[in-house]
């Protein structure tokens, strides 16, 4: 297999956004190496890492993580016998998660000021379920089912894994008002031509809702996923339930929301 064939095999089955990001990262690596991927040494990759120093730590980490993933794939598939990135250290980027969690009041204001029925329902669904934007735009009416007194949706998540997410009754009823006779295979959230909304259109809807609410930060749909996790944990939801709802592969990912907005501090016990 040549490098292009290896890269396409490695990218197979990944989402469009992930493919585009990884392709750009690996093209940067190839331009630096100027040799086949199989001929790169640890010293080559360390030099590549050094060449990224002008970027933000989070960008450096993402690019190098893509390189490590690609080489791990090569070893796993028997293309290479050793992984030259095994000794490559990723820069530690400071967590910005706390900055991306809005207050409950801010989210509710975004909802209150949204007058478009479809956008209002979209915002409520993103916040009420914590689904990813790719999962929202991929929803078809066959994925929406009654469950008890309310309903549930089935979404296709990362790695091609499906999961069912229960909907608050009021969100389910609001969602049904959008159907208007649409068939099972038609998208739940439609653009003006009748096709599915794009990820950019969802991003734009969220950004405009945030602006109307007086929020100056660059809010994205994923922020509502962060808000769902943080707010539900603060209100007593179990870590296991939040992990299951969001589709986190590891509970470690879920527990990080416990640390970014602590309710207490050991300083509370000091005579200050």
C-alpha atoms as a PDB file:
ATOM      1  CA  UNK A   1       0.000   0.000   0.000  1.00  0.00           C
ATOM      2  CA  UNK A   2       1.237   3.484  -0.784  1.00  0.00           C
ATOM      3  CA  UNK A   3       0.808   6.366   1.662  1.00  0.00           C
ATOM      4  CA  UNK A   4      -2.438   7.611   0.120  1.00  0.00           C
ATOM      5  CA  UNK A   5      -3.998   4.148   0.368  1.00  0.00           C
ATOM      6  CA  UNK A   6      -2.846   3.792   3.975  1.00  0.00           C
ATOM      7  CA  UNK A   7      -4.315   7.171   4.912  1.00  0.00           C
ATOM      8  CA  UNK A   8      -7.659   6.447   3.246  1.00  0.00           C
ATOM      9  CA  UNK A   9      -7.887   3.084   5.033  1.00  0.00           C
ATOM     10  CA  UNK A  10      -7.089   4.783   8.337  1.00  0.00           C
ATOM     11  CA  UNK A  11      -9.787   7.415   7.735  1.00  0.00           C
ATOM     12  CA  UNK A  12     -12.426   4.920   6.608  1.00  0.00           C
ATOM     13  CA  UNK A  13     -15.636   5.126   8.618  1.00  0.00           C
ATOM     14  CA  UNK A  14     -14.810   8.397  10.377  1.00  0.00           C
ATOM     15  CA  UNK A  15     -17.197  11.339  10.305  1.00  0.00           C
ATOM     16  CA  UNK A  16     -16.810  14.060   7.686  1.00  0.00           C
ATOM     17  CA  UNK A  17     -15.518  16.607  10.196  1.00  0.00           C
ATOM     18  CA  UNK A  18     -12.961  14.176  11.596  1.00  0.00           C
ATOM     19  CA  UNK A  19     -11.817  13.155   8.126  1.00  0.00           C
ATOM     20  CA  UNK A  20     -11.231  16.750   7.062  1.00  0.00           C
ATOM     21  CA  UNK A  21      -9.327  17.606  10.235  1.00  0.00           C
ATOM     22  CA  UNK A  22      -7.153  14.473  10.120  1.00  0.00           C
ATOM     23  CA  UNK A  23      -6.448  14.822   6.406  1.00  0.00           C
ATOM     24  CA  UNK A  24      -5.166  18.351   6.969  1.00  0.00           C
ATOM     25  CA  UNK A  25      -3.011  17.234   9.895  1.00  0.00           C
ATOM     26  CA  UNK A  26      -1.453  14.336   7.981  1.00  0.00           C
ATOM     27  CA  UNK A  27      -0.841  16.484   4.900  1.00  0.00           C
ATOM     28  CA  UNK A  28       1.113  18.834   7.162  1.00  0.00           C
ATOM     29  CA  UNK A  29       3.133  15.858   8.410  1.00  0.00           C
ATOM     30  CA  UNK A  30       3.828  14.603   4.880  1.00  0.00           C
ATOM     31  CA  UNK A  31       4.922  18.054   3.704  1.00  0.00           C
ATOM     32  CA  UNK A  32       7.402  18.217   6.575  1.00  0.00           C
ATOM     33  CA  UNK A  33       8.793  14.676   6.207  1.00  0.00           C
ATOM     34  CA  UNK A  34       9.233  14.686   2.423  1.00  0.00           C
ATOM     35  CA  UNK A  35       9.620  10.929   2.575  1.00  0.00           C
ATOM     36  CA  UNK A  36       7.266   7.927   2.793  1.00  0.00           C
ATOM     37  CA  UNK A  37       5.540   7.524   6.156  1.00  0.00           C
ATOM     38  CA  UNK A  38       7.203   4.139   6.665  1.00  0.00           C
ATOM     39  CA  UNK A  39      10.676   5.720   6.518  1.00  0.00           C
ATOM     40  CA  UNK A  40      10.075   8.276   9.276  1.00  0.00           C
ATOM     41  CA  UNK A  41      12.047   7.886  12.499  1.00  0.00           C
ATOM     42  CA  UNK A  42      11.363   9.096  16.013  1.00  0.00           C
ATOM     43  CA  UNK A  43      13.896  11.880  15.427  1.00  0.00           C
ATOM     44  CA  UNK A  44      11.959  12.970  12.302  1.00  0.00           C
ATOM     45  CA  UNK A  45       8.738  13.100  14.284  1.00  0.00           C
ATOM     46  CA  UNK A  46      10.335  14.979  17.149  1.00  0.00           C
ATOM     47  CA  UNK A  47      11.589  17.542  14.640  1.00  0.00           C
ATOM     48  CA  UNK A  48       8.038  17.750  13.257  1.00  0.00           C
ATOM     49  CA  UNK A  49       6.762  18.332  16.783  1.00  0.00           C
ATOM     50  CA  UNK A  50       9.318  21.120  17.265  1.00  0.00           C
ATOM     51  CA  UNK A  51       8.136  22.753  14.022  1.00  0.00           C
ATOM     52  CA  UNK A  52       4.657  23.161  15.529  1.00  0.00           C
ATOM     53  CA  UNK A  53       5.805  25.241  18.512  1.00  0.00           C
ATOM     54  CA  UNK A  54       4.282  28.421  17.084  1.00  0.00           C
ATOM     55  CA  UNK A  55       0.785  26.896  17.317  1.00  0.00           C
ATOM     56  CA  UNK A  56      -1.441  26.827  20.380  1.00  0.00           C
ATOM     57  CA  UNK A  57      -0.805  23.772  22.607  1.00  0.00           C
ATOM     58  CA  UNK A  58      -4.247  22.394  21.796  1.00  0.00           C
ATOM     59  CA  UNK A  59      -3.511  22.560  18.047  1.00  0.00           C
ATOM     60  CA  UNK A  60      -0.107  20.936  18.540  1.00  0.00           C
ATOM     61  CA  UNK A  61      -1.691  18.145  20.562  1.00  0.00           C
ATOM     62  CA  UNK A  62      -4.398  17.518  17.954  1.00  0.00           C
ATOM     63  CA  UNK A  63      -1.924  17.303  15.055  1.00  0.00           C
ATOM     64  CA  UNK A  64       0.449  15.006  16.929  1.00  0.00           C
ATOM     65  CA  UNK A  65      -2.446  12.849  18.154  1.00  0.00           C
ATOM     66  CA  UNK A  66      -3.468  12.361  14.522  1.00  0.00           C
ATOM     67  CA  UNK A  67       0.090  11.284  13.653  1.00  0.00           C
ATOM     68  CA  UNK A  68       0.186   8.846  16.583  1.00  0.00           C
ATOM     69  CA  UNK A  69      -3.200   7.418  15.570  1.00  0.00           C
ATOM     70  CA  UNK A  70      -2.052   6.905  11.980  1.00  0.00           C
ATOM     71  CA  UNK A  71       1.122   5.106  12.997  1.00  0.00           C
ATOM     72  CA  UNK A  72      -0.729   2.988  15.541  1.00  0.00           C
ATOM     73  CA  UNK A  73      -3.037   1.940  12.694  1.00  0.00           C
ATOM     74  CA  UNK A  74      -0.029   1.019  10.552  1.00  0.00           C
ATOM     75  CA  UNK A  75       1.371  -1.240  13.270  1.00  0.00           C
ATOM     76  CA  UNK A  76      -2.034  -2.734  14.047  1.00  0.00           C
ATOM     77  CA  UNK A  77      -2.518  -3.610  10.367  1.00  0.00           C
ATOM     78  CA  UNK A  78       0.951  -5.095  10.009  1.00  0.00           C
ATOM     79  CA  UNK A  79       2.117  -2.337   7.656  1.00  0.00           C
ATOM     80  CA  UNK A  80       4.905  -1.404  10.083  1.00  0.00           C
ATOM     81  CA  UNK A  81       6.623  -3.563  12.678  1.00  0.00           C
ATOM     82  CA  UNK A  82       7.344  -0.670  15.065  1.00  0.00           C
ATOM     83  CA  UNK A  83       5.633   2.611  15.895  1.00  0.00           C
ATOM     84  CA  UNK A  84       8.046   5.570  15.612  1.00  0.00           C
ATOM     85  CA  UNK A  85       5.608   7.800  17.525  1.00  0.00           C
ATOM     86  CA  UNK A  86       5.573   5.608  20.634  1.00  0.00           C
ATOM     87  CA  UNK A  87       8.172   7.861  22.270  1.00  0.00           C
ATOM     88  CA  UNK A  88       6.592  11.099  21.071  1.00  0.00           C
ATOM     89  CA  UNK A  89       5.206  13.248  23.882  1.00  0.00           C
ATOM     90  CA  UNK A  90       2.091  15.332  23.386  1.00  0.00           C
ATOM     91  CA  UNK A  91       2.077  18.887  24.775  1.00  0.00           C
ATOM     92  CA  UNK A  92      -0.337  19.407  27.616  1.00  0.00           C
ATOM     93  CA  UNK A  93      -2.922  22.025  26.819  1.00  0.00           C
ATOM     94  CA  UNK A  94      -4.775  23.824  29.611  1.00  0.00           C
ATOM     95  CA  UNK A  95      -8.411  22.793  29.854  1.00  0.00           C
ATOM     96  CA  UNK A  96     -10.850  25.405  28.541  1.00  0.00           C
ATOM     97  CA  UNK A  97     -13.919  23.382  29.441  1.00  0.00           C
ATOM     98  CA  UNK A  98     -15.029  25.703  32.239  1.00  0.00           C
ATOM     99  CA  UNK A  99     -15.152  28.614  29.770  1.00  0.00           C
ATOM    100  CA  UNK A 100     -17.565  26.669  27.551  1.00  0.00           C
ATOM    101  CA  UNK A 101     -20.255  25.993  30.113  1.00  0.00           C
ATOM    102  CA  UNK A 102     -23.028  28.573  30.166  1.00  0.00           C
ATOM    103  CA  UNK A 103     -25.240  29.139  33.175  1.00  0.00           C
ATOM    104  CA  UNK A 104     -28.725  27.679  33.235  1.00  0.00           C
ATOM    105  CA  UNK A 105     -30.089  31.215  33.036  1.00  0.00           C
ATOM    106  CA  UNK A 106     -28.121  31.914  29.848  1.00  0.00           C
ATOM    107  CA  UNK A 107     -29.359  28.752  28.156  1.00  0.00           C
ATOM    108  CA  UNK A 108     -32.961  29.413  29.143  1.00  0.00           C
ATOM    109  CA  UNK A 109     -32.666  32.952  27.797  1.00  0.00           C
ATOM    110  CA  UNK A 110     -31.420  31.583  24.471  1.00  0.00           C
ATOM    111  CA  UNK A 111     -34.524  29.384  24.331  1.00  0.00           C
ATOM    112  CA  UNK A 112     -36.909  32.130  25.409  1.00  0.00           C
ATOM    113  CA  UNK A 113     -35.761  34.531  22.694  1.00  0.00           C
ATOM    114  CA  UNK A 114     -35.821  31.996  19.835  1.00  0.00           C
ATOM    115  CA  UNK A 115     -39.003  32.570  17.793  1.00  0.00           C
ATOM    116  CA  UNK A 116     -38.446  30.064  14.956  1.00  0.00           C
ATOM    117  CA  UNK A 117     -40.244  26.816  15.928  1.00  0.00           C
ATOM    118  CA  UNK A 118     -37.666  24.513  14.319  1.00  0.00           C
ATOM    119  CA  UNK A 119     -34.698  26.363  15.797  1.00  0.00           C
ATOM    120  CA  UNK A 120     -36.360  26.476  19.220  1.00  0.00           C
ATOM    121  CA  UNK A 121     -36.898  22.723  19.120  1.00  0.00           C
ATOM    122  CA  UNK A 122     -33.344  22.160  17.886  1.00  0.00           C
ATOM    123  CA  UNK A 123     -31.898  24.177  20.774  1.00  0.00           C
ATOM    124  CA  UNK A 124     -34.046  22.313  23.304  1.00  0.00           C
ATOM    125  CA  UNK A 125     -33.017  18.965  21.864  1.00  0.00           C
ATOM    126  CA  UNK A 126     -29.297  19.796  21.874  1.00  0.00           C
ATOM    127  CA  UNK A 127     -29.471  20.973  25.477  1.00  0.00           C
ATOM    128  CA  UNK A 128     -32.024  18.433  26.704  1.00  0.00           C
ATOM    129  CA  UNK A 129     -30.195  15.383  25.348  1.00  0.00           C
ATOM    130  CA  UNK A 130     -26.583  16.523  24.935  1.00  0.00           C
ATOM    131  CA  UNK A 131     -26.381  14.966  21.470  1.00  0.00           C
ATOM    132  CA  UNK A 132     -23.622  16.029  19.094  1.00  0.00           C
ATOM    133  CA  UNK A 133     -24.358  18.244  16.105  1.00  0.00           C
ATOM    134  CA  UNK A 134     -23.592  15.352  13.738  1.00  0.00           C
ATOM    135  CA  UNK A 135     -26.138  13.238  15.599  1.00  0.00           C
ATOM    136  CA  UNK A 136     -28.762  15.978  15.363  1.00  0.00           C
ATOM    137  CA  UNK A 137     -28.415  16.555  11.607  1.00  0.00           C
ATOM    138  CA  UNK A 138     -28.439  12.796  11.036  1.00  0.00           C
ATOM    139  CA  UNK A 139     -31.801  12.290  12.750  1.00  0.00           C
ATOM    140  CA  UNK A 140     -34.604  10.832  10.638  1.00  0.00           C
ATOM    141  CA  UNK A 141     -38.198  10.446  11.741  1.00  0.00           C
ATOM    142  CA  UNK A 142     -37.762   6.680  11.980  1.00  0.00           C
ATOM    143  CA  UNK A 143     -35.239   7.431  14.762  1.00  0.00           C
ATOM    144  CA  UNK A 144     -37.938   9.151  16.858  1.00  0.00           C
ATOM    145  CA  UNK A 145     -40.097   6.747  18.841  1.00  0.00           C
ATOM    146  CA  UNK A 146     -42.634   6.978  21.680  1.00  0.00           C
ATOM    147  CA  UNK A 147     -41.417   5.644  25.002  1.00  0.00           C
ATOM    148  CA  UNK A 148     -43.649   5.555  28.065  1.00  0.00           C
ATOM    149  CA  UNK A 149     -45.383   8.902  28.387  1.00  0.00           C
ATOM    150  CA  UNK A 150     -42.678  10.591  26.326  1.00  0.00           C
ATOM    151  CA  UNK A 151     -40.293   9.493  23.643  1.00  0.00           C
ATOM    152  CA  UNK A 152     -36.777   8.628  22.654  1.00  0.00           C
ATOM    153  CA  UNK A 153     -34.364   9.118  19.786  1.00  0.00           C
ATOM    154  CA  UNK A 154     -31.790   6.718  18.396  1.00  0.00           C
ATOM    155  CA  UNK A 155     -28.601   8.399  17.216  1.00  0.00           C
ATOM    156  CA  UNK A 156     -25.483   7.265  15.410  1.00  0.00           C
ATOM    157  CA  UNK A 157     -22.531   8.381  17.516  1.00  0.00           C
ATOM    158  CA  UNK A 158     -18.761   8.254  17.309  1.00  0.00           C
ATOM    159  CA  UNK A 159     -17.244   5.078  15.948  1.00  0.00           C
ATOM    160  CA  UNK A 160     -20.534   4.075  14.333  1.00  0.00           C
ATOM    161  CA  UNK A 161     -22.062   3.248  17.715  1.00  0.00           C
ATOM    162  CA  UNK A 162     -25.797   3.745  18.131  1.00  0.00           C
ATOM    163  CA  UNK A 163     -27.494   4.656  21.370  1.00  0.00           C
ATOM    164  CA  UNK A 164     -31.028   5.499  22.424  1.00  0.00           C
ATOM    165  CA  UNK A 165     -31.642   8.659  24.408  1.00  0.00           C
ATOM    166  CA  UNK A 166     -34.834   9.300  26.337  1.00  0.00           C
ATOM    167  CA  UNK A 167     -36.464  12.673  25.758  1.00  0.00           C
ATOM    168  CA  UNK A 168     -38.141  14.867  28.351  1.00  0.00           C
ATOM    169  CA  UNK A 169     -41.889  14.674  27.643  1.00  0.00           C
ATOM    170  CA  UNK A 170     -42.174  18.339  26.686  1.00  0.00           C
ATOM    171  CA  UNK A 171     -39.244  18.063  24.249  1.00  0.00           C
ATOM    172  CA  UNK A 172     -40.781  14.983  22.629  1.00  0.00           C
ATOM    173  CA  UNK A 173     -44.139  16.695  22.140  1.00  0.00           C
ATOM    174  CA  UNK A 174     -42.473  19.787  20.675  1.00  0.00           C
ATOM    175  CA  UNK A 175     -40.434  17.604  18.332  1.00  0.00           C
ATOM    176  CA  UNK A 176     -43.561  15.940  16.975  1.00  0.00           C
ATOM    177  CA  UNK A 177     -45.006  19.319  15.959  1.00  0.00           C
ATOM    178  CA  UNK A 178     -42.248  19.590  13.333  1.00  0.00           C
ATOM    179  CA  UNK A 179     -43.190  16.399  11.482  1.00  0.00           C
ATOM    180  CA  UNK A 180     -46.142  17.709   9.459  1.00  0.00           C
ATOM    181  CA  UNK A 181     -46.626  14.442   7.582  1.00  0.00           C
ATOM    182  CA  UNK A 182     -42.936  13.818   6.821  1.00  0.00           C
ATOM    183  CA  UNK A 183     -41.987  10.242   5.955  1.00  0.00           C
ATOM    184  CA  UNK A 184     -39.896   7.954   8.134  1.00  0.00           C
ATOM    185  CA  UNK A 185     -36.743   8.481   6.077  1.00  0.00           C
ATOM    186  CA  UNK A 186     -37.003  12.265   5.930  1.00  0.00           C
ATOM    187  CA  UNK A 187     -34.766  14.430   8.151  1.00  0.00           C
ATOM    188  CA  UNK A 188     -36.181  15.757  11.406  1.00  0.00           C
ATOM    189  CA  UNK A 189     -34.485  19.136  10.972  1.00  0.00           C
ATOM    190  CA  UNK A 190     -34.896  20.375   7.401  1.00  0.00           C
ATOM    191  CA  UNK A 191     -33.446  23.196   5.370  1.00  0.00           C
ATOM    192  CA  UNK A 192     -35.457  25.321   2.945  1.00  0.00           C
ATOM    193  CA  UNK A 193     -35.008  22.741   0.165  1.00  0.00           C
ATOM    194  CA  UNK A 194     -36.335  19.924   2.342  1.00  0.00           C
ATOM    195  CA  UNK A 195     -32.987  18.251   2.937  1.00  0.00           C
ATOM    196  CA  UNK A 196     -31.247  17.872   6.274  1.00  0.00           C
ATOM    197  CA  UNK A 197     -29.756  20.913   7.982  1.00  0.00           C
ATOM    198  CA  UNK A 198     -25.986  21.076   7.690  1.00  0.00           C
ATOM    199  CA  UNK A 199     -23.686  21.253  10.687  1.00  0.00           C
ATOM    200  CA  UNK A 200     -22.892  24.843   9.698  1.00  0.00           C
ATOM    201  CA  UNK A 201     -26.584  25.782   9.735  1.00  0.00           C
ATOM    202  CA  UNK A 202     -26.936  24.338  13.232  1.00  0.00           C
ATOM    203  CA  UNK A 203     -23.818  26.202  14.344  1.00  0.00           C
ATOM    204  CA  UNK A 204     -25.260  29.416  12.905  1.00  0.00           C
ATOM    205  CA  UNK A 205     -28.591  28.898  14.691  1.00  0.00           C
ATOM    206  CA  UNK A 206     -26.847  28.392  18.034  1.00  0.00           C
ATOM    207  CA  UNK A 207     -24.522  31.357  17.523  1.00  0.00           C
ATOM    208  CA  UNK A 208     -27.409  33.690  16.664  1.00  0.00           C
ATOM    209  CA  UNK A 209     -29.430  32.492  19.658  1.00  0.00           C
ATOM    210  CA  UNK A 210     -26.468  33.212  21.924  1.00  0.00           C
ATOM    211  CA  UNK A 211     -26.035  36.692  20.460  1.00  0.00           C
ATOM    212  CA  UNK A 212     -29.711  37.508  21.072  1.00  0.00           C
ATOM    213  CA  UNK A 213     -29.249  36.400  24.674  1.00  0.00           C
ATOM    214  CA  UNK A 214     -26.379  38.854  25.081  1.00  0.00           C
ATOM    215  CA  UNK A 215     -23.673  36.180  25.168  1.00  0.00           C
ATOM    216  CA  UNK A 216     -20.514  37.474  23.487  1.00  0.00           C
ATOM    217  CA  UNK A 217     -18.538  34.217  23.590  1.00  0.00           C
ATOM    218  CA  UNK A 218     -18.293  32.150  20.401  1.00  0.00           C
ATOM    219  CA  UNK A 219     -20.904  29.622  21.472  1.00  0.00           C
ATOM    220  CA  UNK A 220     -21.125  26.454  19.371  1.00  0.00           C
ATOM    221  CA  UNK A 221     -23.585  23.532  19.454  1.00  0.00           C
ATOM    222  CA  UNK A 222     -21.055  21.500  21.455  1.00  0.00           C
ATOM    223  CA  UNK A 223     -21.291  24.047  24.262  1.00  0.00           C
ATOM    224  CA  UNK A 224     -24.882  22.898  24.823  1.00  0.00           C
ATOM    225  CA  UNK A 225     -23.569  19.348  25.210  1.00  0.00           C
ATOM    226  CA  UNK A 226     -21.160  20.623  27.865  1.00  0.00           C
ATOM    227  CA  UNK A 227     -24.038  22.483  29.539  1.00  0.00           C
ATOM    228  CA  UNK A 228     -26.196  19.362  29.547  1.00  0.00           C
ATOM    229  CA  UNK A 229     -23.487  17.353  31.306  1.00  0.00           C
ATOM    230  CA  UNK A 230     -22.563  20.027  33.838  1.00  0.00           C
ATOM    231  CA  UNK A 231     -26.084  21.156  34.718  1.00  0.00           C
ATOM    232  CA  UNK A 232     -27.500  17.631  35.028  1.00  0.00           C
ATOM    233  CA  UNK A 233     -24.645  16.569  37.328  1.00  0.00           C
ATOM    234  CA  UNK A 234     -25.144  19.691  39.438  1.00  0.00           C
ATOM    235  CA  UNK A 235     -28.825  18.787  39.775  1.00  0.00           C
ATOM    236  CA  UNK A 236     -28.059  15.270  41.021  1.00  0.00           C
ATOM    237  CA  UNK A 237     -27.910  13.062  37.917  1.00  0.00           C
ATOM    238  CA  UNK A 238     -25.555  10.121  38.383  1.00  0.00           C
ATOM    239  CA  UNK A 239     -22.257  10.048  36.527  1.00  0.00           C
ATOM    240  CA  UNK A 240     -23.223   6.690  34.996  1.00  0.00           C
ATOM    241  CA  UNK A 241     -26.484   8.103  33.629  1.00  0.00           C
ATOM    242  CA  UNK A 242     -24.767  11.139  32.095  1.00  0.00           C
ATOM    243  CA  UNK A 243     -22.112   8.882  30.570  1.00  0.00           C
ATOM    244  CA  UNK A 244     -24.797   6.679  29.023  1.00  0.00           C
ATOM    245  CA  UNK A 245     -26.820   9.627  27.733  1.00  0.00           C
ATOM    246  CA  UNK A 246     -23.846  11.360  26.116  1.00  0.00           C
ATOM    247  CA  UNK A 247     -22.280   8.168  24.787  1.00  0.00           C
ATOM    248  CA  UNK A 248     -18.912   8.708  26.447  1.00  0.00           C
ATOM    249  CA  UNK A 249     -16.607   5.742  25.913  1.00  0.00           C
ATOM    250  CA  UNK A 250     -15.014   6.254  29.334  1.00  0.00           C
ATOM    251  CA  UNK A 251     -16.471   7.503  32.583  1.00  0.00           C
ATOM    252  CA  UNK A 252     -13.269   9.535  32.969  1.00  0.00           C
ATOM    253  CA  UNK A 253     -14.558  11.813  30.209  1.00  0.00           C
ATOM    254  CA  UNK A 254     -17.770  12.367  32.154  1.00  0.00           C
ATOM    255  CA  UNK A 255     -16.133  13.012  35.521  1.00  0.00           C
ATOM    256  CA  UNK A 256     -14.191  15.980  34.162  1.00  0.00           C
ATOM    257  CA  UNK A 257     -17.438  17.967  34.410  1.00  0.00           C
ATOM    258  CA  UNK A 258     -17.337  17.466  38.186  1.00  0.00           C
ATOM    259  CA  UNK A 259     -14.046  19.333  38.403  1.00  0.00           C
ATOM    260  CA  UNK A 260     -14.620  22.380  36.224  1.00  0.00           C
ATOM    261  CA  UNK A 261     -17.471  23.793  38.358  1.00  0.00           C
ATOM    262  CA  UNK A 262     -16.791  22.577  41.908  1.00  0.00           C
ATOM    263  CA  UNK A 263     -19.572  23.063  44.429  1.00  0.00           C
ATOM    264  CA  UNK A 264     -17.256  23.104  47.434  1.00  0.00           C
ATOM    265  CA  UNK A 265     -13.616  23.724  48.232  1.00  0.00           C
ATOM    266  CA  UNK A 266     -11.386  22.610  51.100  1.00  0.00           C
ATOM    267  CA  UNK A 267     -10.912  26.337  51.594  1.00  0.00           C
ATOM    268  CA  UNK A 268     -14.469  26.410  52.954  1.00  0.00           C
ATOM    269  CA  UNK A 269     -13.108  24.732  56.075  1.00  0.00           C
ATOM    270  CA  UNK A 270     -10.462  27.366  56.783  1.00  0.00           C
ATOM    271  CA  UNK A 271     -10.943  30.279  59.210  1.00  0.00           C
ATOM    272  CA  UNK A 272     -11.052  32.932  56.510  1.00  0.00           C
END
